[in-house]
Amino acid sequence: SVHTVKSLFRERADAGRAVFMSTHTLDVAESIADRIAIIHH
């Protein structure tokens, strides 16, 4: 299911949509994110 969801997110971005994903799963962020924003305090 993780693989399917990652593929869906990527497909949506490739189709011109936008995905804002908050996550603690850093390997997922590293594998599919075009950009990464880090918030602290």
ModelCIF file with pLDDT and N, C-alpha, C, O atoms, coordinates in Angstrom:
data_MODEL
#
_entry.id   MODEL 
#
_entity.id                         1 
_entity.type                       polymer 
_entity.pdbx_number_of_molecules   1 
#
_entity_poly.entity_id                      1 
_entity_poly.type                           'polypeptide(L)' 
_entity_poly.nstd_linkage                   no 
_entity_poly.nstd_monomer                   no 
_entity_poly.pdbx_seq_one_letter_code       SVHTVKSLFRERADAGRAVFMSTHTLDVAESIADRIAIIHH 
_entity_poly.pdbx_seq_one_letter_code_can   SVHTVKSLFRERADAGRAVFMSTHTLDVAESIADRIAIIHH 
_entity_poly.pdbx_strand_id                 A 
#
loop_
_entity_poly_seq.entity_id 
_entity_poly_seq.num 
_entity_poly_seq.mon_id 
_entity_poly_seq.hetero 
1 1  SER n 
1 2  VAL n 
1 3  HIS n 
1 4  THR n 
1 5  VAL n 
1 6  LYS n 
1 7  SER n 
1 8  LEU n 
1 9  PHE n 
1 10 ARG n 
1 11 GLU n 
1 12 ARG n 
1 13 ALA n 
1 14 ASP n 
1 15 ALA n 
1 16 GLY n 
1 17 ARG n 
1 18 ALA n 
1 19 VAL n 
1 20 PHE n 
1 21 MET n 
1 22 SER n 
1 23 THR n 
1 24 HIS n 
1 25 THR n 
1 26 LEU n 
1 27 ASP n 
1 28 VAL n 
1 29 ALA n 
1 30 GLU n 
1 31 SER n 
1 32 ILE n 
1 33 ALA n 
1 34 ASP n 
1 35 ARG n 
1 36 ILE n 
1 37 ALA n 
1 38 ILE n 
1 39 ILE n 
1 40 HIS n 
1 41 HIS n 
#
_struct_asym.id          A 
_struct_asym.entity_id   1 
#
loop_
_ma_qa_metric.id 
_ma_qa_metric.mode 
_ma_qa_metric.name 
_ma_qa_metric.software_group_id 
_ma_qa_metric.type 
1 global pLDDT . pLDDT 
2 local  pLDDT . pLDDT 
#
_ma_qa_metric_global.metric_id      1 
_ma_qa_metric_global.metric_value   94.15 
_ma_qa_metric_global.model_id       1 
_ma_qa_metric_global.ordinal_id     1 
#
loop_
_ma_qa_metric_local.label_asym_id 
_ma_qa_metric_local.label_comp_id 
_ma_qa_metric_local.label_seq_id 
_ma_qa_metric_local.metric_id 
_ma_qa_metric_local.metric_value 
_ma_qa_metric_local.model_id 
_ma_qa_metric_local.ordinal_id 
A SER 1  2 93.00 1 1  
A VAL 2  2 93.00 1 2  
A HIS 3  2 94.00 1 3  
A THR 4  2 95.00 1 4  
A VAL 5  2 94.00 1 5  
A LYS 6  2 95.00 1 6  
A SER 7  2 95.00 1 7  
A LEU 8  2 95.00 1 8  
A PHE 9  2 96.00 1 9  
A ARG 10 2 95.00 1 10 
A GLU 11 2 96.00 1 11 
A ARG 12 2 96.00 1 12 
A ALA 13 2 96.00 1 13 
A ASP 14 2 96.00 1 14 
A ALA 15 2 96.00 1 15 
A GLY 16 2 95.00 1 16 
A ARG 17 2 97.00 1 17 
A ALA 18 2 97.00 1 18 
A VAL 19 2 98.00 1 19 
A PHE 20 2 98.00 1 20 
A MET 21 2 96.00 1 21 
A SER 22 2 94.00 1 22 
A THR 23 2 91.00 1 23 
A HIS 24 2 89.00 1 24 
A THR 25 2 87.00 1 25 
A LEU 26 2 89.00 1 26 
A ASP 27 2 89.00 1 27 
A VAL 28 2 90.00 1 28 
A ALA 29 2 92.00 1 29 
A GLU 30 2 91.00 1 30 
A SER 31 2 91.00 1 31 
A ILE 32 2 93.00 1 32 
A ALA 33 2 95.00 1 33 
A ASP 34 2 96.00 1 34 
A ARG 35 2 96.00 1 35 
A ILE 36 2 96.00 1 36 
A ALA 37 2 96.00 1 37 
A ILE 38 2 95.00 1 38 
A ILE 39 2 95.00 1 39 
A HIS 40 2 95.00 1 40 
A HIS 41 2 94.00 1 41 
#
loop_
_atom_site.group_PDB 
_atom_site.id 
_atom_site.type_symbol 
_atom_site.label_atom_id 
_atom_site.label_alt_id 
_atom_site.label_comp_id 
_atom_site.label_asym_id 
_atom_site.label_entity_id 
_atom_site.label_seq_id 
_atom_site.pdbx_PDB_ins_code 
_atom_site.Cartn_x 
_atom_site.Cartn_y 
_atom_site.Cartn_z 
_atom_site.occupancy 
_atom_site.B_iso_or_equiv 
_atom_site.pdbx_formal_charge 
_atom_site.auth_seq_id 
_atom_site.auth_comp_id 
_atom_site.auth_asym_id 
_atom_site.auth_atom_id 
_atom_site.pdbx_PDB_model_num 
ATOM 1   N N  . SER A 1 1  ? 0.828  -1.205 0.000   1.00 93.00 ? 1  SER A N  1 
ATOM 2   C CA . SER A 1 1  ? 0.000  0.000  0.000   1.00 93.00 ? 1  SER A CA 1 
ATOM 3   C C  . SER A 1 1  ? 0.861  1.253  0.000   1.00 93.00 ? 1  SER A C  1 
ATOM 4   O O  . SER A 1 1  ? 0.524  2.232  -0.666  1.00 93.00 ? 1  SER A O  1 
ATOM 5   N N  . VAL A 1 2  ? 1.967  1.239  0.735   1.00 93.00 ? 2  VAL A N  1 
ATOM 6   C CA . VAL A 1 2  ? 2.889  2.378  0.732   1.00 93.00 ? 2  VAL A CA 1 
ATOM 7   C C  . VAL A 1 2  ? 3.376  2.649  -0.687  1.00 93.00 ? 2  VAL A C  1 
ATOM 8   O O  . VAL A 1 2  ? 3.416  3.797  -1.131  1.00 93.00 ? 2  VAL A O  1 
ATOM 9   N N  . HIS A 1 3  ? 3.744  1.591  -1.389  1.00 94.00 ? 3  HIS A N  1 
ATOM 10  C CA . HIS A 1 3  ? 4.215  1.733  -2.773  1.00 94.00 ? 3  HIS A CA 1 
ATOM 11  C C  . HIS A 1 3  ? 3.117  2.340  -3.654  1.00 94.00 ? 3  HIS A C  1 
ATOM 12  O O  . HIS A 1 3  ? 3.390  3.219  -4.472  1.00 94.00 ? 3  HIS A O  1 
ATOM 13  N N  . THR A 1 4  ? 1.877  1.869  -3.484  1.00 95.00 ? 4  THR A N  1 
ATOM 14  C CA . THR A 1 4  ? 0.759  2.385  -4.276  1.00 95.00 ? 4  THR A CA 1 
ATOM 15  C C  . THR A 1 4  ? 0.522  3.865  -4.001  1.00 95.00 ? 4  THR A C  1 
ATOM 16  O O  . THR A 1 4  ? 0.341  4.653  -4.930  1.00 95.00 ? 4  THR A O  1 
ATOM 17  N N  . VAL A 1 5  ? 0.524  4.238  -2.732  1.00 94.00 ? 5  VAL A N  1 
ATOM 18  C CA . VAL A 1 5  ? 0.268  5.629  -2.364  1.00 94.00 ? 5  VAL A CA 1 
ATOM 19  C C  . VAL A 1 5  ? 1.385  6.537  -2.871  1.00 94.00 ? 5  VAL A C  1 
ATOM 20  O O  . VAL A 1 5  ? 1.116  7.626  -3.379  1.00 94.00 ? 5  VAL A O  1 
ATOM 21  N N  . LYS A 1 6  ? 2.617  6.103  -2.738  1.00 95.00 ? 6  LYS A N  1 
ATOM 22  C CA . LYS A 1 6  ? 3.731  6.888  -3.270  1.00 95.00 ? 6  LYS A CA 1 
ATOM 23  C C  . LYS A 1 6  ? 3.575  7.092  -4.775  1.00 95.00 ? 6  LYS A C  1 
ATOM 24  O O  . LYS A 1 6  ? 3.815  8.186  -5.285  1.00 95.00 ? 6  LYS A O  1 
ATOM 25  N N  . SER A 1 7  ? 3.175  6.043  -5.479  1.00 95.00 ? 7  SER A N  1 
ATOM 26  C CA . SER A 1 7  ? 2.983  6.153  -6.930  1.00 95.00 ? 7  SER A CA 1 
ATOM 27  C C  . SER A 1 7  ? 1.858  7.124  -7.266  1.00 95.00 ? 7  SER A C  1 
ATOM 28  O O  . SER A 1 7  ? 1.969  7.904  -8.212  1.00 95.00 ? 7  SER A O  1 
ATOM 29  N N  . LEU A 1 8  ? 0.772  7.076  -6.490  1.00 95.00 ? 8  LEU A N  1 
ATOM 30  C CA . LEU A 1 8  ? -0.341 8.002  -6.710  1.00 95.00 ? 8  LEU A CA 1 
ATOM 31  C C  . LEU A 1 8  ? 0.083  9.458  -6.526  1.00 95.00 ? 8  LEU A C  1 
ATOM 32  O O  . LEU A 1 8  ? -0.275 10.325 -7.324  1.00 95.00 ? 8  LEU A O  1 
ATOM 33  N N  . PHE A 1 9  ? 0.840  9.711  -5.476  1.00 96.00 ? 9  PHE A N  1 
ATOM 34  C CA . PHE A 1 9  ? 1.309  11.075 -5.231  1.00 96.00 ? 9  PHE A CA 1 
ATOM 35  C C  . PHE A 1 9  ? 2.184  11.557 -6.382  1.00 96.00 ? 9  PHE A C  1 
ATOM 36  O O  . PHE A 1 9  ? 2.047  12.689 -6.846  1.00 96.00 ? 9  PHE A O  1 
ATOM 37  N N  . ARG A 1 10 ? 3.081  10.689 -6.837  1.00 95.00 ? 10 ARG A N  1 
ATOM 38  C CA . ARG A 1 10 ? 3.966  11.069 -7.924  1.00 95.00 ? 10 ARG A CA 1 
ATOM 39  C C  . ARG A 1 10 ? 3.197  11.318 -9.213  1.00 95.00 ? 10 ARG A C  1 
ATOM 40  O O  . ARG A 1 10 ? 3.490  12.258 -9.951  1.00 95.00 ? 10 ARG A O  1 
ATOM 41  N N  . GLU A 1 11 ? 2.215  10.471 -9.475  1.00 96.00 ? 11 GLU A N  1 
ATOM 42  C CA . GLU A 1 11 ? 1.401  10.625 -10.676 1.00 96.00 ? 11 GLU A CA 1 
ATOM 43  C C  . GLU A 1 11 ? 0.616  11.933 -10.650 1.00 96.00 ? 11 GLU A C  1 
ATOM 44  O O  . GLU A 1 11 ? 0.484  12.599 -11.677 1.00 96.00 ? 11 GLU A O  1 
ATOM 45  N N  . ARG A 1 12 ? 0.102  12.299 -9.492  1.00 96.00 ? 12 ARG A N  1 
ATOM 46  C CA . ARG A 1 12 ? -0.663 13.539 -9.392  1.00 96.00 ? 12 ARG A CA 1 
ATOM 47  C C  . ARG A 1 12 ? 0.245  14.742 -9.669  1.00 96.00 ? 12 ARG A C  1 
ATOM 48  O O  . ARG A 1 12 ? -0.136 15.662 -10.392 1.00 96.00 ? 12 ARG A O  1 
ATOM 49  N N  . ALA A 1 13 ? 1.426  14.723 -9.098  1.00 96.00 ? 13 ALA A N  1 
ATOM 50  C CA . ALA A 1 13 ? 2.355  15.823 -9.357  1.00 96.00 ? 13 ALA A CA 1 
ATOM 51  C C  . ALA A 1 13 ? 2.729  15.879 -10.841 1.00 96.00 ? 13 ALA A C  1 
ATOM 52  O O  . ALA A 1 13 ? 2.784  16.958 -11.429 1.00 96.00 ? 13 ALA A O  1 
ATOM 53  N N  . ASP A 1 14 ? 2.978  14.735 -11.430 1.00 96.00 ? 14 ASP A N  1 
ATOM 54  C CA . ASP A 1 14 ? 3.348  14.698 -12.849 1.00 96.00 ? 14 ASP A CA 1 
ATOM 55  C C  . ASP A 1 14 ? 2.205  15.184 -13.745 1.00 96.00 ? 14 ASP A C  1 
ATOM 56  O O  . ASP A 1 14 ? 2.434  15.629 -14.870 1.00 96.00 ? 14 ASP A O  1 
ATOM 57  N N  . ALA A 1 15 ? 0.965  15.092 -13.229 1.00 96.00 ? 15 ALA A N  1 
ATOM 58  C CA . ALA A 1 15 ? -0.199 15.563 -13.987 1.00 96.00 ? 15 ALA A CA 1 
ATOM 59  C C  . ALA A 1 15 ? -0.514 17.037 -13.710 1.00 96.00 ? 15 ALA A C  1 
ATOM 60  O O  . ALA A 1 15 ? -1.529 17.556 -14.173 1.00 96.00 ? 15 ALA A O  1 
ATOM 61  N N  . GLY A 1 16 ? 0.366  17.710 -12.948 1.00 95.00 ? 16 GLY A N  1 
ATOM 62  C CA . GLY A 1 16 ? 0.186  19.137 -12.706 1.00 95.00 ? 16 GLY A CA 1 
ATOM 63  C C  . GLY A 1 16 ? -0.528 19.491 -11.426 1.00 95.00 ? 16 GLY A C  1 
ATOM 64  O O  . GLY A 1 16 ? -0.762 20.668 -11.151 1.00 95.00 ? 16 GLY A O  1 
ATOM 65  N N  . ARG A 1 17 ? -0.883 18.483 -10.630 1.00 97.00 ? 17 ARG A N  1 
ATOM 66  C CA . ARG A 1 17 ? -1.487 18.721 -9.322  1.00 97.00 ? 17 ARG A CA 1 
ATOM 67  C C  . ARG A 1 17 ? -0.376 18.949 -8.291  1.00 97.00 ? 17 ARG A C  1 
ATOM 68  O O  . ARG A 1 17 ? 0.806  18.849 -8.619  1.00 97.00 ? 17 ARG A O  1 
ATOM 69  N N  . ALA A 1 18 ? -0.754 19.254 -7.057  1.00 97.00 ? 18 ALA A N  1 
ATOM 70  C CA . ALA A 1 18 ? 0.232  19.512 -6.001  1.00 97.00 ? 18 ALA A CA 1 
ATOM 71  C C  . ALA A 1 18 ? -0.108 18.660 -4.781  1.00 97.00 ? 18 ALA A C  1 
ATOM 72  O O  . ALA A 1 18 ? -1.277 18.468 -4.445  1.00 97.00 ? 18 ALA A O  1 
ATOM 73  N N  . VAL A 1 19 ? 0.931  18.157 -4.130  1.00 98.00 ? 19 VAL A N  1 
ATOM 74  C CA . VAL A 1 19 ? 0.769  17.333 -2.932  1.00 98.00 ? 19 VAL A CA 1 
ATOM 75  C C  . VAL A 1 19 ? 1.601  17.936 -1.810  1.00 98.00 ? 19 VAL A C  1 
ATOM 76  O O  . VAL A 1 19 ? 2.812  18.113 -1.949  1.00 98.00 ? 19 VAL A O  1 
ATOM 77  N N  . PHE A 1 20 ? 0.940  18.251 -0.693  1.00 98.00 ? 20 PHE A N  1 
ATOM 78  C CA . PHE A 1 20 ? 1.594  18.753 0.517   1.00 98.00 ? 20 PHE A CA 1 
ATOM 79  C C  . PHE A 1 20 ? 1.535  17.627 1.535   1.00 98.00 ? 20 PHE A C  1 
ATOM 80  O O  . PHE A 1 20 ? 0.460  17.287 2.029   1.00 98.00 ? 20 PHE A O  1 
ATOM 81  N N  . MET A 1 21 ? 2.683  17.048 1.849   1.00 96.00 ? 21 MET A N  1 
ATOM 82  C CA . MET A 1 21 ? 2.743  15.832 2.659   1.00 96.00 ? 21 MET A CA 1 
ATOM 83  C C  . MET A 1 21 ? 3.548  16.059 3.930   1.00 96.00 ? 21 MET A C  1 
ATOM 84  O O  . MET A 1 21 ? 4.763  16.248 3.881   1.00 96.00 ? 21 MET A O  1 
ATOM 85  N N  . SER A 1 22 ? 2.861  16.037 5.067   1.00 94.00 ? 22 SER A N  1 
ATOM 86  C CA . SER A 1 22 ? 3.548  16.085 6.363   1.00 94.00 ? 22 SER A CA 1 
ATOM 87  C C  . SER A 1 22 ? 3.853  14.654 6.789   1.00 94.00 ? 22 SER A C  1 
ATOM 88  O O  . SER A 1 22 ? 2.963  13.803 6.783   1.00 94.00 ? 22 SER A O  1 
ATOM 89  N N  . THR A 1 23 ? 5.090  14.384 7.156   1.00 91.00 ? 23 THR A N  1 
ATOM 90  C CA . THR A 1 23 ? 5.457  13.016 7.482   1.00 91.00 ? 23 THR A CA 1 
ATOM 91  C C  . THR A 1 23 ? 6.676  12.963 8.394   1.00 91.00 ? 23 THR A C  1 
ATOM 92  O O  . THR A 1 23 ? 7.539  13.840 8.364   1.00 91.00 ? 23 THR A O  1 
ATOM 93  N N  . HIS A 1 24 ? 6.723  11.903 9.208   1.00 89.00 ? 24 HIS A N  1 
ATOM 94  C CA . HIS A 1 24 ? 7.933  11.562 9.953   1.00 89.00 ? 24 HIS A CA 1 
ATOM 95  C C  . HIS A 1 24 ? 8.725  10.473 9.233   1.00 89.00 ? 24 HIS A C  1 
ATOM 96  O O  . HIS A 1 24 ? 9.828  10.123 9.652   1.00 89.00 ? 24 HIS A O  1 
ATOM 97  N N  . THR A 1 25 ? 8.162  9.940  8.152   1.00 87.00 ? 25 THR A N  1 
ATOM 98  C CA . THR A 1 25 ? 8.811  8.847  7.419   1.00 87.00 ? 25 THR A CA 1 
ATOM 99  C C  . THR A 1 25 ? 9.792  9.451  6.427   1.00 87.00 ? 25 THR A C  1 
ATOM 100 O O  . THR A 1 25 ? 9.432  9.754  5.289   1.00 87.00 ? 25 THR A O  1 
ATOM 101 N N  . LEU A 1 26 ? 11.025 9.622  6.864   1.00 89.00 ? 26 LEU A N  1 
ATOM 102 C CA . LEU A 1 26 ? 11.989 10.393 6.089   1.00 89.00 ? 26 LEU A CA 1 
ATOM 103 C C  . LEU A 1 26 ? 12.370 9.715  4.781   1.00 89.00 ? 26 LEU A C  1 
ATOM 104 O O  . LEU A 1 26 ? 12.658 10.397 3.797   1.00 89.00 ? 26 LEU A O  1 
ATOM 105 N N  . ASP A 1 27 ? 12.377 8.379  4.751   1.00 89.00 ? 27 ASP A N  1 
ATOM 106 C CA . ASP A 1 27 ? 12.738 7.718  3.500   1.00 89.00 ? 27 ASP A CA 1 
ATOM 107 C C  . ASP A 1 27 ? 11.667 7.926  2.426   1.00 89.00 ? 27 ASP A C  1 
ATOM 108 O O  . ASP A 1 27 ? 11.978 7.965  1.236   1.00 89.00 ? 27 ASP A O  1 
ATOM 109 N N  . VAL A 1 28 ? 10.404 8.058  2.849   1.00 90.00 ? 28 VAL A N  1 
ATOM 110 C CA . VAL A 1 28 ? 9.336  8.373  1.891   1.00 90.00 ? 28 VAL A CA 1 
ATOM 111 C C  . VAL A 1 28 ? 9.541  9.778  1.342   1.00 90.00 ? 28 VAL A C  1 
ATOM 112 O O  . VAL A 1 28 ? 9.449  9.996  0.134   1.00 90.00 ? 28 VAL A O  1 
ATOM 113 N N  . ALA A 1 29 ? 9.816  10.725 2.226   1.00 92.00 ? 29 ALA A N  1 
ATOM 114 C CA . ALA A 1 29 ? 10.077 12.095 1.784   1.00 92.00 ? 29 ALA A CA 1 
ATOM 115 C C  . ALA A 1 29 ? 11.254 12.140 0.824   1.00 92.00 ? 29 ALA A C  1 
ATOM 116 O O  . ALA A 1 29 ? 11.207 12.825 -0.198  1.00 92.00 ? 29 ALA A O  1 
ATOM 117 N N  . GLU A 1 30 ? 12.303 11.411 1.155   1.00 91.00 ? 30 GLU A N  1 
ATOM 118 C CA . GLU A 1 30 ? 13.509 11.417 0.331   1.00 91.00 ? 30 GLU A CA 1 
ATOM 119 C C  . GLU A 1 30 ? 13.255 10.808 -1.043  1.00 91.00 ? 30 GLU A C  1 
ATOM 120 O O  . GLU A 1 30 ? 13.861 11.224 -2.030  1.00 91.00 ? 30 GLU A O  1 
ATOM 121 N N  . SER A 1 31 ? 12.356 9.819  -1.109  1.00 91.00 ? 31 SER A N  1 
ATOM 122 C CA . SER A 1 31 ? 12.170 9.086  -2.361  1.00 91.00 ? 31 SER A CA 1 
ATOM 123 C C  . SER A 1 31 ? 11.221 9.779  -3.334  1.00 91.00 ? 31 SER A C  1 
ATOM 124 O O  . SER A 1 31 ? 11.375 9.614  -4.544  1.00 91.00 ? 31 SER A O  1 
ATOM 125 N N  . ILE A 1 32 ? 10.234 10.560 -2.843  1.00 93.00 ? 32 ILE A N  1 
ATOM 126 C CA . ILE A 1 32 ? 9.247  11.104 -3.783  1.00 93.00 ? 32 ILE A CA 1 
ATOM 127 C C  . ILE A 1 32 ? 9.122  12.621 -3.777  1.00 93.00 ? 32 ILE A C  1 
ATOM 128 O O  . ILE A 1 32 ? 8.511  13.179 -4.688  1.00 93.00 ? 32 ILE A O  1 
ATOM 129 N N  . ALA A 1 33 ? 9.678  13.304 -2.786  1.00 95.00 ? 33 ALA A N  1 
ATOM 130 C CA . ALA A 1 33 ? 9.466  14.752 -2.707  1.00 95.00 ? 33 ALA A CA 1 
ATOM 131 C C  . ALA A 1 33 ? 10.350 15.507 -3.694  1.00 95.00 ? 33 ALA A C  1 
ATOM 132 O O  . ALA A 1 33 ? 11.535 15.204 -3.838  1.00 95.00 ? 33 ALA A O  1 
ATOM 133 N N  . ASP A 1 34 ? 9.767  16.485 -4.368  1.00 96.00 ? 34 ASP A N  1 
ATOM 134 C CA . ASP A 1 34 ? 10.542 17.386 -5.217  1.00 96.00 ? 34 ASP A CA 1 
ATOM 135 C C  . ASP A 1 34 ? 11.276 18.412 -4.364  1.00 96.00 ? 34 ASP A C  1 
ATOM 136 O O  . ASP A 1 34 ? 12.423 18.766 -4.637  1.00 96.00 ? 34 ASP A O  1 
ATOM 137 N N  . ARG A 1 35 ? 10.582 18.887 -3.313  1.00 96.00 ? 35 ARG A N  1 
ATOM 138 C CA . ARG A 1 35 ? 11.209 19.789 -2.349  1.00 96.00 ? 35 ARG A CA 1 
ATOM 139 C C  . ARG A 1 35 ? 10.828 19.350 -0.943  1.00 96.00 ? 35 ARG A C  1 
ATOM 140 O O  . ARG A 1 35 ? 9.833  18.657 -0.728  1.00 96.00 ? 35 ARG A O  1 
ATOM 141 N N  . ILE A 1 36 ? 11.648 19.774 0.000   1.00 96.00 ? 36 ILE A N  1 
ATOM 142 C CA . ILE A 1 36 ? 11.448 19.425 1.405   1.00 96.00 ? 36 ILE A CA 1 
ATOM 143 C C  . ILE A 1 36 ? 11.519 20.704 2.218   1.00 96.00 ? 36 ILE A C  1 
ATOM 144 O O  . ILE A 1 36 ? 12.473 21.471 2.090   1.00 96.00 ? 36 ILE A O  1 
ATOM 145 N N  . ALA A 1 37 ? 10.510 20.939 3.058   1.00 96.00 ? 37 ALA A N  1 
ATOM 146 C CA . ALA A 1 37 ? 10.522 22.073 3.981   1.00 96.00 ? 37 ALA A CA 1 
ATOM 147 C C  . ALA A 1 37 ? 10.601 21.526 5.399   1.00 96.00 ? 37 ALA A C  1 
ATOM 148 O O  . ALA A 1 37 ? 9.878  20.596 5.755   1.00 96.00 ? 37 ALA A O  1 
ATOM 149 N N  . ILE A 1 38 ? 11.479 22.105 6.200   1.00 95.00 ? 38 ILE A N  1 
ATOM 150 C CA . ILE A 1 38 ? 11.657 21.668 7.587   1.00 95.00 ? 38 ILE A CA 1 
ATOM 151 C C  . ILE A 1 38 ? 11.269 22.818 8.506   1.00 95.00 ? 38 ILE A C  1 
ATOM 152 O O  . ILE A 1 38 ? 11.788 23.928 8.385   1.00 95.00 ? 38 ILE A O  1 
ATOM 153 N N  . ILE A 1 39 ? 10.353 22.540 9.423   1.00 95.00 ? 39 ILE A N  1 
ATOM 154 C CA . ILE A 1 39 ? 9.902  23.534 10.396  1.00 95.00 ? 39 ILE A CA 1 
ATOM 155 C C  . ILE A 1 39 ? 10.431 23.139 11.776  1.00 95.00 ? 39 ILE A C  1 
ATOM 156 O O  . ILE A 1 39 ? 10.413 21.966 12.149  1.00 95.00 ? 39 ILE A O  1 
ATOM 157 N N  . HIS A 1 40 ? 10.899 24.134 12.522  1.00 95.00 ? 40 HIS A N  1 
ATOM 158 C CA . HIS A 1 40 ? 11.492 23.897 13.850  1.00 95.00 ? 40 HIS A CA 1 
ATOM 159 C C  . HIS A 1 40 ? 11.170 25.107 14.723  1.00 95.00 ? 40 HIS A C  1 
ATOM 160 O O  . HIS A 1 40 ? 11.462 26.243 14.351  1.00 95.00 ? 40 HIS A O  1 
ATOM 161 N N  . HIS A 1 41 ? 10.566 24.859 15.888  1.00 94.00 ? 41 HIS A N  1 
ATOM 162 C CA . HIS A 1 41 ? 10.139 25.945 16.769  1.00 94.00 ? 41 HIS A CA 1 
ATOM 163 C C  . HIS A 1 41 ? 9.265  26.962 16.029  1.00 94.00 ? 41 HIS A C  1 
ATOM 164 O O  . HIS A 1 41 ? 8.819  27.943 16.625  1.00 94.00 ? 41 HIS A O  1 
#
